[in-house]
């Protein structure tokens, strides 16, 4: 990952790919590190669960101190060989946490540079309540920086375009195509769930609740994909044409 990042950010590569493509480098690095962090945390919890211990949080700052205080589920002293093994896992985890902070700092620096230079698209996304640096960076670098002719093209690029199927009198929907950018699709769906919490009065949230209520409370997952598609199109119109999403709440300066 470090080698790929270095090659992408080298002067020759940056000149060929452009500043937008090069700014994507911290994003895959953080995704990989976050997935590795989950694996280390789960491994530590698995070791502890084998001794009847639950409730230990490896990401807490007092993780070392709490490890020394642990006892097995039946009240025995915690085995020393397992404690040494978990300490080594904590060493790797702490190194990984430092790496994630470094990558996040690089990401935030890129966004801050864009904000100070001029109010660019990524900075515009940050003005919306519920969209943080990670979502803004992914949405912009994975899709919104590209040119699309219409809403169908951006939905298809994200793999959120519907796939209708017709045969005689049968007319049904097969779901989304999933043929586009998986990272942009996943982020859009995650943002759609958060949008309902952070933007409850927006037209898109009201549309979602009305659609779910019409179906008797069913098909929430299917409807959230449709909301993700509508939200991505709305954000594309916002950053390219300045069309503000109806009912959206902006962050207080």
Protein backbone atom coordinates (compact mmCIF):
# COMPACT_ATOMS: atom_id res chain seq x y z
CA UNK A 1 0.00 0.00 0.00
CA UNK A 2 2.83 2.42 0.89
CA UNK A 3 4.58 1.62 -2.40
CA UNK A 4 1.37 2.24 -4.39
CA UNK A 5 0.80 5.51 -2.55
CA UNK A 6 4.38 6.64 -3.27
CA UNK A 7 4.13 5.72 -6.94
CA UNK A 8 0.80 7.50 -7.33
CA UNK A 9 2.02 10.66 -5.60
CA UNK A 10 5.32 10.80 -7.48
CA UNK A 11 5.73 13.88 -9.74
CA UNK A 12 5.62 11.83 -12.94
CA UNK A 13 2.47 9.95 -11.96
CA UNK A 14 0.76 13.05 -10.59
CA UNK A 15 1.37 14.84 -13.85
CA UNK A 16 -0.28 12.01 -15.76
CA UNK A 17 -3.20 11.32 -13.42
CA UNK A 18 -3.98 14.85 -12.30
CA UNK A 19 -4.41 16.30 -8.85
CA UNK A 20 -7.90 14.85 -8.35
CA UNK A 21 -6.82 11.27 -8.99
CA UNK A 22 -3.73 11.68 -6.81
CA UNK A 23 -5.83 13.03 -3.95
CA UNK A 24 -7.56 9.63 -3.79
CA UNK A 25 -4.42 7.99 -2.37
CA UNK A 26 -5.23 8.35 1.37
CA UNK A 27 -8.70 6.89 0.91
CA UNK A 28 -7.84 3.28 -0.02
CA UNK A 29 -5.07 3.39 2.59
CA UNK A 30 -7.54 4.26 5.33
CA UNK A 31 -10.03 1.63 4.16
CA UNK A 32 -7.37 -1.08 4.27
CA UNK A 33 -6.11 0.05 7.68
CA UNK A 34 -9.64 0.21 9.10
CA UNK A 35 -10.36 -3.34 7.93
CA UNK A 36 -7.11 -4.54 9.51
CA UNK A 37 -8.04 -2.74 12.74
CA UNK A 38 -11.29 -4.70 12.88
CA UNK A 39 -9.40 -7.97 12.40
CA UNK A 40 -7.02 -7.21 15.28
CA UNK A 41 -9.87 -6.20 17.60
CA UNK A 42 -11.83 -9.34 16.76
CA UNK A 43 -8.77 -11.53 17.29
CA UNK A 44 -8.17 -10.05 20.75
CA UNK A 45 -11.81 -10.49 21.71
CA UNK A 46 -11.68 -14.07 20.48
CA UNK A 47 -8.71 -14.87 22.74
CA UNK A 48 -10.54 -13.38 25.71
CA UNK A 49 -13.82 -15.10 24.95
CA UNK A 50 -12.03 -18.45 25.03
CA UNK A 51 -11.31 -17.70 28.71
CA UNK A 52 -14.89 -16.64 29.47
CA UNK A 53 -14.12 -12.90 29.36
CA UNK A 54 -16.37 -10.37 27.63
CA UNK A 55 -16.75 -6.61 27.73
CA UNK A 56 -13.07 -5.81 27.09
CA UNK A 57 -12.63 -3.00 24.56
CA UNK A 58 -9.20 -3.02 22.84
CA UNK A 59 -9.73 0.50 21.44
CA UNK A 60 -10.03 2.16 24.84
CA UNK A 61 -7.08 4.19 26.05
CA UNK A 62 -6.78 2.16 29.27
CA UNK A 63 -6.60 -1.15 27.36
CA UNK A 64 -3.20 -2.07 28.84
CA UNK A 65 -4.26 -1.38 32.40
CA UNK A 66 -7.53 -3.29 32.03
CA UNK A 67 -5.67 -6.25 30.53
CA UNK A 68 -3.56 -6.53 33.70
CA UNK A 69 -6.73 -6.61 35.81
CA UNK A 70 -8.49 -9.35 33.86
CA UNK A 71 -9.42 -12.72 35.33
CA UNK A 72 -10.90 -15.75 33.62
CA UNK A 73 -14.62 -16.38 33.71
CA UNK A 74 -14.24 -18.83 36.62
CA UNK A 75 -12.09 -16.46 38.70
CA UNK A 76 -8.61 -17.79 37.88
CA UNK A 77 -5.61 -15.64 37.03
CA UNK A 78 -5.34 -14.81 33.34
CA UNK A 79 -2.81 -17.13 31.61
CA UNK A 80 0.53 -15.40 31.07
CA UNK A 81 1.10 -16.83 27.58
CA UNK A 82 -2.26 -15.45 26.44
CA UNK A 83 -1.53 -12.11 28.06
CA UNK A 84 1.77 -11.91 26.17
CA UNK A 85 -0.01 -12.83 22.95
CA UNK A 86 -2.64 -10.12 23.46
CA UNK A 87 0.05 -7.57 24.31
CA UNK A 88 1.69 -8.28 20.95
CA UNK A 89 -1.69 -7.83 19.26
CA UNK A 90 -2.10 -4.51 21.09
CA UNK A 91 1.34 -3.44 19.84
CA UNK A 92 0.19 -4.04 16.27
CA UNK A 93 -3.14 -2.37 16.95
CA UNK A 94 -1.55 0.78 18.39
CA UNK A 95 0.81 1.02 15.43
CA UNK A 96 -2.19 0.69 13.13
CA UNK A 97 -4.09 3.41 14.99
CA UNK A 98 -1.15 5.78 14.48
CA UNK A 99 -1.16 4.93 10.78
CA UNK A 100 -4.90 5.68 10.53
CA UNK A 101 -4.37 9.06 12.22
CA UNK A 102 -1.61 9.88 9.73
CA UNK A 103 -3.80 8.96 6.76
CA UNK A 104 -6.74 10.96 8.16
CA UNK A 105 -4.47 13.96 8.67
CA UNK A 106 -3.37 13.71 5.02
CA UNK A 107 -7.02 13.51 3.94
CA UNK A 108 -8.01 16.50 6.06
CA UNK A 109 -5.04 18.48 4.73
CA UNK A 110 -6.21 17.88 1.16
CA UNK A 111 -9.71 19.08 2.01
CA UNK A 112 -8.38 22.09 3.94
CA UNK A 113 -6.16 23.04 1.01
CA UNK A 114 -9.18 22.99 -1.29
CA UNK A 115 -11.21 25.07 1.16
CA UNK A 116 -8.53 27.76 1.47
CA UNK A 117 -7.80 27.91 -2.26
CA UNK A 118 -11.45 28.22 -3.31
CA UNK A 119 -14.79 26.74 -2.26
CA UNK A 120 -14.50 23.57 -4.34
CA UNK A 121 -16.99 20.70 -4.63
CA UNK A 122 -15.54 18.70 -1.75
CA UNK A 123 -15.72 21.77 0.48
CA UNK A 124 -19.34 22.28 -0.59
CA UNK A 125 -20.17 18.76 0.56
CA UNK A 126 -18.67 19.51 3.98
CA UNK A 127 -21.15 22.36 4.40
CA UNK A 128 -24.04 19.87 4.54
CA UNK A 129 -24.98 18.58 7.97
CA UNK A 130 -24.23 14.88 8.32
CA UNK A 131 -21.40 14.77 5.76
CA UNK A 132 -17.93 14.63 7.29
CA UNK A 133 -14.43 14.59 5.80
CA UNK A 134 -14.45 10.85 5.04
CA UNK A 135 -17.79 10.88 3.20
CA UNK A 136 -16.94 14.10 1.36
CA UNK A 137 -13.56 12.80 0.23
CA UNK A 138 -14.96 9.47 -0.99
CA UNK A 139 -17.97 10.96 -2.77
CA UNK A 140 -15.84 13.50 -4.59
CA UNK A 141 -12.78 11.40 -5.43
CA UNK A 142 -14.68 8.21 -6.32
CA UNK A 143 -17.33 9.70 -8.55
CA UNK A 144 -18.46 13.32 -8.36
CA UNK A 145 -15.24 14.68 -9.90
CA UNK A 146 -16.15 12.92 -13.15
CA UNK A 147 -18.31 14.40 -15.90
CA UNK A 148 -21.77 12.90 -16.32
CA UNK A 149 -24.35 13.91 -18.90
CA UNK A 150 -27.39 13.04 -16.79
CA UNK A 151 -28.60 11.39 -13.59
CA UNK A 152 -28.84 7.96 -15.22
CA UNK A 153 -25.13 7.97 -16.00
CA UNK A 154 -24.04 8.73 -12.44
CA UNK A 155 -26.48 6.15 -11.02
CA UNK A 156 -25.10 3.55 -13.42
CA UNK A 157 -21.50 4.45 -12.58
CA UNK A 158 -22.23 3.87 -8.88
CA UNK A 159 -24.02 0.60 -9.61
CA UNK A 160 -27.30 2.00 -8.26
CA UNK A 161 -29.23 1.96 -11.52
CA UNK A 162 -32.40 -0.19 -11.48
CA UNK A 163 -32.57 -3.31 -13.66
CA UNK A 164 -36.16 -3.88 -14.82
CA UNK A 165 -37.14 -7.23 -16.30
CA UNK A 166 -40.09 -7.80 -18.63
CA UNK A 167 -41.45 -10.99 -20.16
CA UNK A 168 -44.93 -10.95 -21.59
CA UNK A 169 -47.28 -9.67 -18.93
CA UNK A 170 -44.59 -9.96 -16.20
CA UNK A 171 -42.91 -6.68 -15.29
CA UNK A 172 -40.71 -6.71 -12.23
CA UNK A 173 -37.64 -5.03 -10.75
CA UNK A 174 -34.48 -7.12 -10.20
CA UNK A 175 -32.72 -4.62 -7.95
CA UNK A 176 -29.62 -2.56 -8.68
CA UNK A 177 -27.06 -3.63 -11.26
CA UNK A 178 -23.99 -3.55 -8.94
CA UNK A 179 -21.88 -3.12 -12.07
CA UNK A 180 -20.33 0.22 -11.10
CA UNK A 181 -17.94 1.57 -8.50
CA UNK A 182 -18.43 -0.60 -5.36
CA UNK A 183 -16.79 1.93 -3.02
CA UNK A 184 -19.03 4.74 -4.21
CA UNK A 185 -22.12 2.48 -4.00
CA UNK A 186 -21.35 1.34 -0.45
CA UNK A 187 -20.65 4.89 0.71
CA UNK A 188 -23.85 6.18 -0.88
CA UNK A 189 -25.97 3.57 0.91
CA UNK A 190 -24.25 4.27 4.24
CA UNK A 191 -24.81 7.99 3.74
CA UNK A 192 -28.48 7.35 2.93
CA UNK A 193 -29.03 5.74 6.37
CA UNK A 194 -27.24 8.63 8.08
CA UNK A 195 -29.20 11.12 5.98
CA UNK A 196 -32.43 9.96 7.60
CA UNK A 197 -30.96 10.73 11.02
CA UNK A 198 -29.22 14.02 10.24
CA UNK A 199 -31.66 15.43 7.67
CA UNK A 200 -35.11 14.29 8.89
CA UNK A 201 -36.91 17.33 7.40
CA UNK A 202 -35.40 17.12 3.94
CA UNK A 203 -37.59 16.23 0.98
CA UNK A 204 -35.63 13.02 0.44
CA UNK A 205 -36.17 11.81 4.03
CA UNK A 206 -39.87 12.64 3.82
CA UNK A 207 -40.09 10.73 0.54
CA UNK A 208 -38.44 7.68 2.15
CA UNK A 209 -40.79 7.60 5.14
CA UNK A 210 -43.85 8.13 2.94
CA UNK A 211 -42.77 5.29 0.65
CA UNK A 212 -42.11 2.91 3.56
CA UNK A 213 -45.43 3.76 5.23
CA UNK A 214 -47.22 3.13 1.96
CA UNK A 215 -45.72 -0.38 1.93
CA UNK A 216 -46.84 -1.03 5.49
CA UNK A 217 -43.36 -0.63 6.97
CA UNK A 218 -41.84 -3.24 4.67
CA UNK A 219 -39.06 -3.00 2.05
CA UNK A 220 -36.92 -0.57 4.05
CA UNK A 221 -33.69 -1.99 2.61
CA UNK A 222 -35.00 -1.81 -0.94
CA UNK A 223 -36.20 1.75 -0.41
CA UNK A 224 -32.90 2.86 1.15
CA UNK A 225 -31.12 1.88 -2.06
CA UNK A 226 -33.56 4.04 -4.00
CA UNK A 227 -32.89 6.86 -1.52
CA UNK A 228 -29.13 6.40 -2.00
CA UNK A 229 -29.59 6.77 -5.76
CA UNK A 230 -31.71 9.92 -5.36
CA UNK A 231 -29.28 11.36 -2.82
CA UNK A 232 -26.24 10.76 -5.03
CA UNK A 233 -27.98 12.46 -7.96
CA UNK A 234 -28.99 15.38 -5.71
CA UNK A 235 -25.42 15.80 -4.43
CA UNK A 236 -24.13 15.67 -8.02
CA UNK A 237 -26.50 18.49 -9.00
CA UNK A 238 -25.45 20.40 -5.88
CA UNK A 239 -21.69 20.30 -6.54
CA UNK A 240 -21.92 20.81 -10.32
CA UNK A 241 -24.83 23.22 -10.74
CA UNK A 242 -25.31 24.60 -7.22
CA UNK A 243 -28.84 23.16 -6.90
CA UNK A 244 -29.49 23.02 -3.14
CA UNK A 245 -31.32 19.90 -1.94
CA UNK A 246 -34.85 20.74 -0.86
CA UNK A 247 -35.21 21.02 2.91
CA UNK A 248 -31.53 20.34 3.61
CA UNK A 249 -29.93 21.66 6.81
CA UNK A 250 -26.51 23.22 6.44
CA UNK A 251 -23.82 23.32 9.09
CA UNK A 252 -23.59 26.41 11.26
CA UNK A 253 -20.45 28.37 10.44
